[in-house]
Amino acid sequence: MEIGLVYSSKDPQQLRTRDFLRKFVQDRGILANIVETEKSVPAPKITVDGCCISEDRRRKPRDRQSLRFISTEDIARALEKIIWSL
């Protein structure tokens, strides 16, 4: 399995997402290659075998303070679903 992550290293919230993803994969012993790309992006993008799991279909954020970040719970749920379907 290949997990792609595009994130901005200047944003602490995106760094927390990166750290969560690394820890999640390591703690569960998932055989995955994590390919990280640092890029100036407003929110992290996560793909699993080329399929995006972090896509936000809203056109506008819920409020001014909230960027369209995928939550760590949503990341965990999506990865668990993919793992159990293999």
C-alpha atoms as a PDB file:
ATOM      1  CA  MET A   1       0.000   0.000   0.000  1.00  0.00           C
ATOM      2  CA  GLU A   2       1.240   3.485  -0.805  1.00  0.00           C
ATOM      3  CA  ILE A   3       0.046   6.440   1.234  1.00  0.00           C
ATOM      4  CA  GLY A   4       0.697   9.864  -0.230  1.00  0.00           C
ATOM      5  CA  LEU A   5       0.724  12.982   1.898  1.00  0.00           C
ATOM      6  CA  VAL A   6       1.001  16.533   0.599  1.00  0.00           C
ATOM      7  CA  TYR A   7       1.349  19.059   3.411  1.00  0.00           C
ATOM      8  CA  SER A   8       2.832  22.408   4.356  1.00  0.00           C
ATOM      9  CA  SER A   9       5.665  22.131   6.883  1.00  0.00           C
ATOM     10  CA  LYS A  10       5.018  25.749   7.918  1.00  0.00           C
ATOM     11  CA  ASP A  11       1.572  24.931   9.339  1.00  0.00           C
ATOM     12  CA  PRO A  12       1.604  23.290  12.804  1.00  0.00           C
ATOM     13  CA  GLN A  13      -1.825  21.721  12.256  1.00  0.00           C
ATOM     14  CA  GLN A  14      -0.621  20.048   9.074  1.00  0.00           C
ATOM     15  CA  LEU A  15       2.489  18.808  10.886  1.00  0.00           C
ATOM     16  CA  ARG A  16       0.217  17.240  13.524  1.00  0.00           C
ATOM     17  CA  THR A  17      -1.687  15.503  10.726  1.00  0.00           C
ATOM     18  CA  ARG A  18       1.603  14.164   9.330  1.00  0.00           C
ATOM     19  CA  ASP A  19       2.697  12.943  12.763  1.00  0.00           C
ATOM     20  CA  PHE A  20      -0.677  11.295  13.372  1.00  0.00           C
ATOM     21  CA  LEU A  21      -0.514   9.478  10.035  1.00  0.00           C
ATOM     22  CA  ARG A  22       3.023   8.197  10.695  1.00  0.00           C
ATOM     23  CA  LYS A  23       2.100   7.018  14.202  1.00  0.00           C
ATOM     24  CA  PHE A  24      -1.154   5.390  13.043  1.00  0.00           C
ATOM     25  CA  VAL A  25       0.681   3.341  10.402  1.00  0.00           C
ATOM     26  CA  GLN A  26       3.489   2.386  12.776  1.00  0.00           C
ATOM     27  CA  ASP A  27       1.253   1.484  15.743  1.00  0.00           C
ATOM     28  CA  ARG A  28      -0.918  -0.821  13.649  1.00  0.00           C
ATOM     29  CA  GLY A  29       1.967  -2.451  11.799  1.00  0.00           C
ATOM     30  CA  ILE A  30       0.551  -1.473   8.425  1.00  0.00           C
ATOM     31  CA  LEU A  31       2.852  -2.369   5.558  1.00  0.00           C
ATOM     32  CA  ALA A  32       2.723   0.934   3.750  1.00  0.00           C
ATOM     33  CA  ASN A  33       5.124   3.237   2.010  1.00  0.00           C
ATOM     34  CA  ILE A  34       4.387   6.829   3.052  1.00  0.00           C
ATOM     35  CA  VAL A  35       5.382   9.293   0.345  1.00  0.00           C
ATOM     36  CA  GLU A  36       5.532  12.804   1.784  1.00  0.00           C
ATOM     37  CA  THR A  37       5.590  15.957  -0.319  1.00  0.00           C
ATOM     38  CA  GLU A  38       6.114  19.334   1.311  1.00  0.00           C
ATOM     39  CA  LYS A  39       4.271  22.048  -0.559  1.00  0.00           C
ATOM     40  CA  SER A  40       2.463  25.254   0.339  1.00  0.00           C
ATOM     41  CA  VAL A  41      -1.125  23.968   0.542  1.00  0.00           C
ATOM     42  CA  PRO A  42      -4.086  25.280   2.577  1.00  0.00           C
ATOM     43  CA  ALA A  43      -4.920  21.780   3.873  1.00  0.00           C
ATOM     44  CA  PRO A  44      -3.167  18.408   3.729  1.00  0.00           C
ATOM     45  CA  LYS A  45      -4.047  15.951   0.978  1.00  0.00           C
ATOM     46  CA  ILE A  46      -3.906  12.228   1.716  1.00  0.00           C
ATOM     47  CA  THR A  47      -4.098   9.516  -0.907  1.00  0.00           C
ATOM     48  CA  VAL A  48      -4.064   5.740  -0.573  1.00  0.00           C
ATOM     49  CA  ASP A  49      -2.924   3.914  -3.697  1.00  0.00           C
ATOM     50  CA  GLY A  50      -3.803   7.014  -5.714  1.00  0.00           C
ATOM     51  CA  CYS A  51      -7.318   7.488  -4.284  1.00  0.00           C
ATOM     52  CA  CYS A  52      -7.854  10.665  -2.281  1.00  0.00           C
ATOM     53  CA  ILE A  53      -9.264  10.167   1.233  1.00  0.00           C
ATOM     54  CA  SER A  54      -8.938  13.750   2.424  1.00  0.00           C
ATOM     55  CA  GLU A  55     -11.056  15.482  -0.164  1.00  0.00           C
ATOM     56  CA  ASP A  56     -13.505  17.988   1.224  1.00  0.00           C
ATOM     57  CA  ARG A  57     -16.490  18.414  -1.031  1.00  0.00           C
ATOM     58  CA  ARG A  58     -17.658  21.679   0.545  1.00  0.00           C
ATOM     59  CA  ARG A  59     -17.050  24.719  -1.596  1.00  0.00           C
ATOM     60  CA  LYS A  60     -16.610  27.005   1.406  1.00  0.00           C
ATOM     61  CA  PRO A  61     -15.270  26.407   4.908  1.00  0.00           C
ATOM     62  CA  ARG A  62     -17.851  26.048   7.666  1.00  0.00           C
ATOM     63  CA  ASP A  63     -16.688  29.313   9.190  1.00  0.00           C
ATOM     64  CA  ARG A  64     -13.862  31.797   8.813  1.00  0.00           C
ATOM     65  CA  GLN A  65     -11.658  30.088  11.405  1.00  0.00           C
ATOM     66  CA  SER A  66     -12.079  26.609   9.987  1.00  0.00           C
ATOM     67  CA  LEU A  67     -10.046  25.542   7.025  1.00  0.00           C
ATOM     68  CA  ARG A  68     -11.159  22.414   5.276  1.00  0.00           C
ATOM     69  CA  PHE A  69      -8.935  20.021   7.218  1.00  0.00           C
ATOM     70  CA  ILE A  70      -9.748  16.350   7.471  1.00  0.00           C
ATOM     71  CA  SER A  71      -9.869  15.334  11.126  1.00  0.00           C
ATOM     72  CA  THR A  72      -7.587  12.660  12.543  1.00  0.00           C
ATOM     73  CA  GLU A  73     -10.702  10.628  13.359  1.00  0.00           C
ATOM     74  CA  ASP A  74     -11.728  10.745   9.689  1.00  0.00           C
ATOM     75  CA  ILE A  75      -8.219   9.724   8.614  1.00  0.00           C
ATOM     76  CA  ALA A  76      -8.248   6.788  11.025  1.00  0.00           C
ATOM     77  CA  ARG A  77     -11.726   5.712   9.922  1.00  0.00           C
ATOM     78  CA  ALA A  78     -10.797   5.835   6.230  1.00  0.00           C
ATOM     79  CA  LEU A  79      -7.550   3.917   6.726  1.00  0.00           C
ATOM     80  CA  GLU A  80      -9.252   1.273   8.873  1.00  0.00           C
ATOM     81  CA  LYS A  81     -11.904   0.813   6.201  1.00  0.00           C
ATOM     82  CA  ILE A  82      -9.252   0.396   3.501  1.00  0.00           C
ATOM     83  CA  ILE A  83      -7.180  -2.003   5.600  1.00  0.00           C
ATOM     84  CA  TRP A  84     -10.144  -4.236   6.432  1.00  0.00           C
ATOM     85  CA  SER A  85     -11.202  -4.352   2.789  1.00  0.00           C
ATOM     86  CA  LEU A  86      -7.840  -5.776   1.633  1.00  0.00           C
END
